[in-house]
């Protein structure tokens, strides 16, 4: 039973990560403009906790430079 629970928890975490990443990747261009492939790759490498932080920080970002500054702080 422990194996099934661990497997399920891992799947749930991966699902949360994918959902949060998808949402952030849709919002970023609307907020800061077109992202370079390099910036997209950096965002895609963020952990779930970092993505959640970025989803809140998006409210204060207004340019690609703001995004880069936020990523450098992480």
N, C-alpha and C. Protein backbone atom coordinates (compact mmCIF):
# COMPACT_ATOMS: atom_id res chain seq x y z
N UNK A 1 0.82 -1.20 0.00
CA UNK A 1 0.00 0.00 0.00
C UNK A 1 0.86 1.26 0.00
N UNK A 2 1.99 1.23 0.71
CA UNK A 2 2.87 2.39 0.77
C UNK A 2 3.40 2.74 -0.62
N UNK A 3 3.70 1.73 -1.43
CA UNK A 3 4.21 1.97 -2.77
C UNK A 3 3.16 2.71 -3.60
N UNK A 4 1.93 2.28 -3.53
CA UNK A 4 0.86 2.92 -4.29
C UNK A 4 0.68 4.36 -3.83
N UNK A 5 0.70 4.58 -2.54
CA UNK A 5 0.53 5.93 -2.00
C UNK A 5 1.66 6.84 -2.47
N UNK A 6 2.89 6.36 -2.43
CA UNK A 6 4.04 7.14 -2.86
C UNK A 6 3.92 7.46 -4.35
N UNK A 7 3.53 6.49 -5.14
CA UNK A 7 3.37 6.67 -6.58
C UNK A 7 2.28 7.70 -6.86
N UNK A 8 1.18 7.62 -6.11
CA UNK A 8 0.08 8.56 -6.30
C UNK A 8 0.49 9.97 -5.91
N UNK A 9 1.21 10.11 -4.80
CA UNK A 9 1.66 11.43 -4.36
C UNK A 9 2.60 12.05 -5.38
N UNK A 10 3.49 11.24 -5.95
CA UNK A 10 4.41 11.74 -6.96
C UNK A 10 3.64 12.22 -8.20
N UNK A 11 2.63 11.46 -8.59
CA UNK A 11 1.81 11.85 -9.73
C UNK A 11 1.05 13.13 -9.48
N UNK A 12 0.54 13.28 -8.27
CA UNK A 12 -0.19 14.50 -7.91
C UNK A 12 0.75 15.71 -7.95
N UNK A 13 1.96 15.56 -7.41
CA UNK A 13 2.93 16.65 -7.43
C UNK A 13 3.31 17.03 -8.86
N UNK A 14 3.52 16.03 -9.71
CA UNK A 14 3.86 16.31 -11.10
C UNK A 14 2.70 17.03 -11.80
N UNK A 15 1.49 16.62 -11.48
CA UNK A 15 0.32 17.28 -12.06
C UNK A 15 0.20 18.74 -11.63
N UNK A 16 0.47 18.99 -10.35
CA UNK A 16 0.45 20.37 -9.85
C UNK A 16 1.51 21.22 -10.54
N UNK A 17 2.70 20.63 -10.69
CA UNK A 17 3.80 21.34 -11.33
C UNK A 17 3.43 21.69 -12.78
N UNK A 18 2.91 20.71 -13.51
CA UNK A 18 2.55 20.95 -14.91
C UNK A 18 1.45 21.99 -15.04
N UNK A 19 0.45 21.93 -14.18
CA UNK A 19 -0.66 22.88 -14.23
C UNK A 19 -0.18 24.30 -13.93
N UNK A 20 0.67 24.43 -12.92
CA UNK A 20 1.18 25.74 -12.54
C UNK A 20 2.09 26.28 -13.63
N UNK A 21 2.95 25.43 -14.18
CA UNK A 21 3.83 25.84 -15.27
C UNK A 21 3.02 26.30 -16.47
N UNK A 22 2.01 25.55 -16.82
CA UNK A 22 1.17 25.90 -17.96
C UNK A 22 0.52 27.27 -17.76
N UNK A 23 -0.01 27.51 -16.59
CA UNK A 23 -0.65 28.79 -16.30
C UNK A 23 0.35 29.94 -16.36
N UNK A 24 1.49 29.77 -15.74
CA UNK A 24 2.51 30.83 -15.73
C UNK A 24 3.00 31.10 -17.15
N UNK A 25 3.20 30.05 -17.94
CA UNK A 25 3.69 30.24 -19.31
C UNK A 25 2.66 30.93 -20.20
N UNK A 26 1.38 30.81 -19.87
CA UNK A 26 0.35 31.53 -20.62
C UNK A 26 0.27 32.99 -20.17
N UNK A 27 0.50 33.24 -18.89
CA UNK A 27 0.38 34.60 -18.36
C UNK A 27 1.59 35.48 -18.66
N UNK A 28 2.77 34.88 -18.63
CA UNK A 28 4.00 35.69 -18.78
C UNK A 28 4.01 36.56 -20.04
N UNK A 29 3.76 36.00 -21.23
CA UNK A 29 3.81 36.87 -22.42
C UNK A 29 2.79 38.01 -22.37
N UNK A 30 1.67 37.77 -21.76
CA UNK A 30 0.65 38.84 -21.66
C UNK A 30 1.11 39.94 -20.71
N UNK A 31 1.92 39.57 -19.75
CA UNK A 31 2.36 40.52 -18.73
C UNK A 31 3.65 41.24 -19.12
N UNK A 32 4.62 40.49 -19.68
CA UNK A 32 5.95 41.08 -19.92
C UNK A 32 6.35 41.11 -21.39
N UNK A 33 5.57 40.51 -22.26
CA UNK A 33 5.92 40.47 -23.68
C UNK A 33 6.51 39.13 -24.06
N UNK A 34 6.97 39.06 -25.29
CA UNK A 34 7.50 37.82 -25.84
C UNK A 34 8.75 37.38 -25.09
N UNK A 35 8.80 36.09 -24.77
CA UNK A 35 9.95 35.52 -24.08
C UNK A 35 10.89 34.87 -25.08
N UNK A 36 12.17 34.98 -24.82
CA UNK A 36 13.15 34.27 -25.63
C UNK A 36 13.09 32.79 -25.27
N UNK A 37 13.55 31.93 -26.15
CA UNK A 37 13.60 30.50 -25.80
C UNK A 37 14.42 30.23 -24.54
N UNK A 38 15.46 31.02 -24.32
CA UNK A 38 16.29 30.86 -23.12
C UNK A 38 15.50 31.17 -21.85
N UNK A 39 14.71 32.25 -21.89
CA UNK A 39 13.89 32.60 -20.73
C UNK A 39 12.81 31.55 -20.50
N UNK A 40 12.20 31.08 -21.57
CA UNK A 40 11.20 30.01 -21.43
C UNK A 40 11.82 28.79 -20.76
N UNK A 41 13.02 28.42 -21.17
CA UNK A 41 13.70 27.26 -20.59
C UNK A 41 13.99 27.48 -19.11
N UNK A 42 14.39 28.70 -18.74
CA UNK A 42 14.66 28.99 -17.33
C UNK A 42 13.40 28.85 -16.49
N UNK A 43 12.29 29.35 -17.00
CA UNK A 43 11.02 29.26 -16.26
C UNK A 43 10.61 27.78 -16.15
N UNK A 44 10.77 27.03 -17.21
CA UNK A 44 10.36 25.63 -17.21
C UNK A 44 11.18 24.79 -16.23
N UNK A 45 12.34 25.25 -15.85
CA UNK A 45 13.19 24.52 -14.91
C UNK A 45 12.88 24.84 -13.45
N UNK A 46 11.99 25.78 -13.20
CA UNK A 46 11.66 26.16 -11.82
C UNK A 46 10.91 25.04 -11.12
N UNK A 47 11.11 24.96 -9.82
CA UNK A 47 10.37 24.00 -9.00
C UNK A 47 8.93 24.48 -8.82
N UNK A 48 8.09 23.62 -8.30
CA UNK A 48 6.70 24.00 -8.04
C UNK A 48 6.63 25.19 -7.10
N UNK A 49 7.42 25.19 -6.06
CA UNK A 49 7.42 26.32 -5.10
C UNK A 49 7.84 27.61 -5.79
N UNK A 50 8.86 27.54 -6.63
CA UNK A 50 9.31 28.74 -7.35
C UNK A 50 8.24 29.21 -8.34
N UNK A 51 7.59 28.27 -9.03
CA UNK A 51 6.53 28.65 -9.97
C UNK A 51 5.38 29.32 -9.24
N UNK A 52 5.05 28.82 -8.06
CA UNK A 52 3.98 29.45 -7.28
C UNK A 52 4.39 30.86 -6.90
N UNK A 53 5.66 31.05 -6.53
CA UNK A 53 6.15 32.39 -6.22
C UNK A 53 6.10 33.31 -7.43
N UNK A 54 6.47 32.77 -8.58
CA UNK A 54 6.43 33.57 -9.81
C UNK A 54 5.00 33.93 -10.17
N UNK A 55 4.06 33.04 -9.91
CA UNK A 55 2.66 33.34 -10.24
C UNK A 55 2.15 34.54 -9.45
N UNK A 56 2.65 34.71 -8.24
CA UNK A 56 2.29 35.88 -7.43
C UNK A 56 3.09 37.10 -7.89
N UNK A 57 4.38 36.91 -8.16
CA UNK A 57 5.23 38.01 -8.58
C UNK A 57 4.79 38.59 -9.92
N UNK A 58 4.12 37.78 -10.73
CA UNK A 58 3.64 38.26 -12.03
C UNK A 58 2.80 39.52 -11.91
N UNK A 59 2.13 39.66 -10.80
CA UNK A 59 1.28 40.84 -10.59
C UNK A 59 2.11 42.13 -10.57
N UNK A 60 3.38 42.02 -10.21
CA UNK A 60 4.25 43.19 -10.11
C UNK A 60 5.20 43.34 -11.29
N UNK A 61 5.29 42.33 -12.15
CA UNK A 61 6.21 42.40 -13.28
C UNK A 61 5.57 43.19 -14.42
N UNK A 62 6.40 43.96 -15.12
CA UNK A 62 5.88 44.71 -16.25
C UNK A 62 6.79 44.64 -17.48
N UNK A 63 7.92 43.96 -17.35
CA UNK A 63 8.84 43.87 -18.48
C UNK A 63 9.65 42.58 -18.39
N UNK A 64 10.29 42.24 -19.49
CA UNK A 64 11.17 41.08 -19.50
C UNK A 64 12.32 41.29 -18.52
N UNK A 65 12.77 42.52 -18.40
CA UNK A 65 13.85 42.83 -17.46
C UNK A 65 13.42 42.54 -16.01
N UNK A 66 12.16 42.83 -15.68
CA UNK A 66 11.64 42.50 -14.36
C UNK A 66 11.66 40.99 -14.13
N UNK A 67 11.29 40.24 -15.15
CA UNK A 67 11.30 38.77 -15.05
C UNK A 67 12.73 38.27 -14.84
N UNK A 68 13.66 38.80 -15.61
CA UNK A 68 15.06 38.38 -15.46
C UNK A 68 15.55 38.69 -14.05
N UNK A 69 15.24 39.86 -13.55
CA UNK A 69 15.65 40.22 -12.17
C UNK A 69 15.04 39.25 -11.17
N UNK A 70 13.77 38.89 -11.35
CA UNK A 70 13.13 37.95 -10.43
C UNK A 70 13.83 36.58 -10.51
N UNK A 71 14.11 36.12 -11.71
CA UNK A 71 14.77 34.82 -11.88
C UNK A 71 16.16 34.81 -11.25
N UNK A 72 16.85 35.93 -11.32
CA UNK A 72 18.20 35.99 -10.73
C UNK A 72 18.16 35.96 -9.22
N UNK A 73 17.06 36.36 -8.62
CA UNK A 73 16.91 36.32 -7.16
C UNK A 73 16.61 34.91 -6.67
N UNK A 74 16.09 34.07 -7.54
CA UNK A 74 15.70 32.71 -7.15
C UNK A 74 16.88 31.78 -7.10
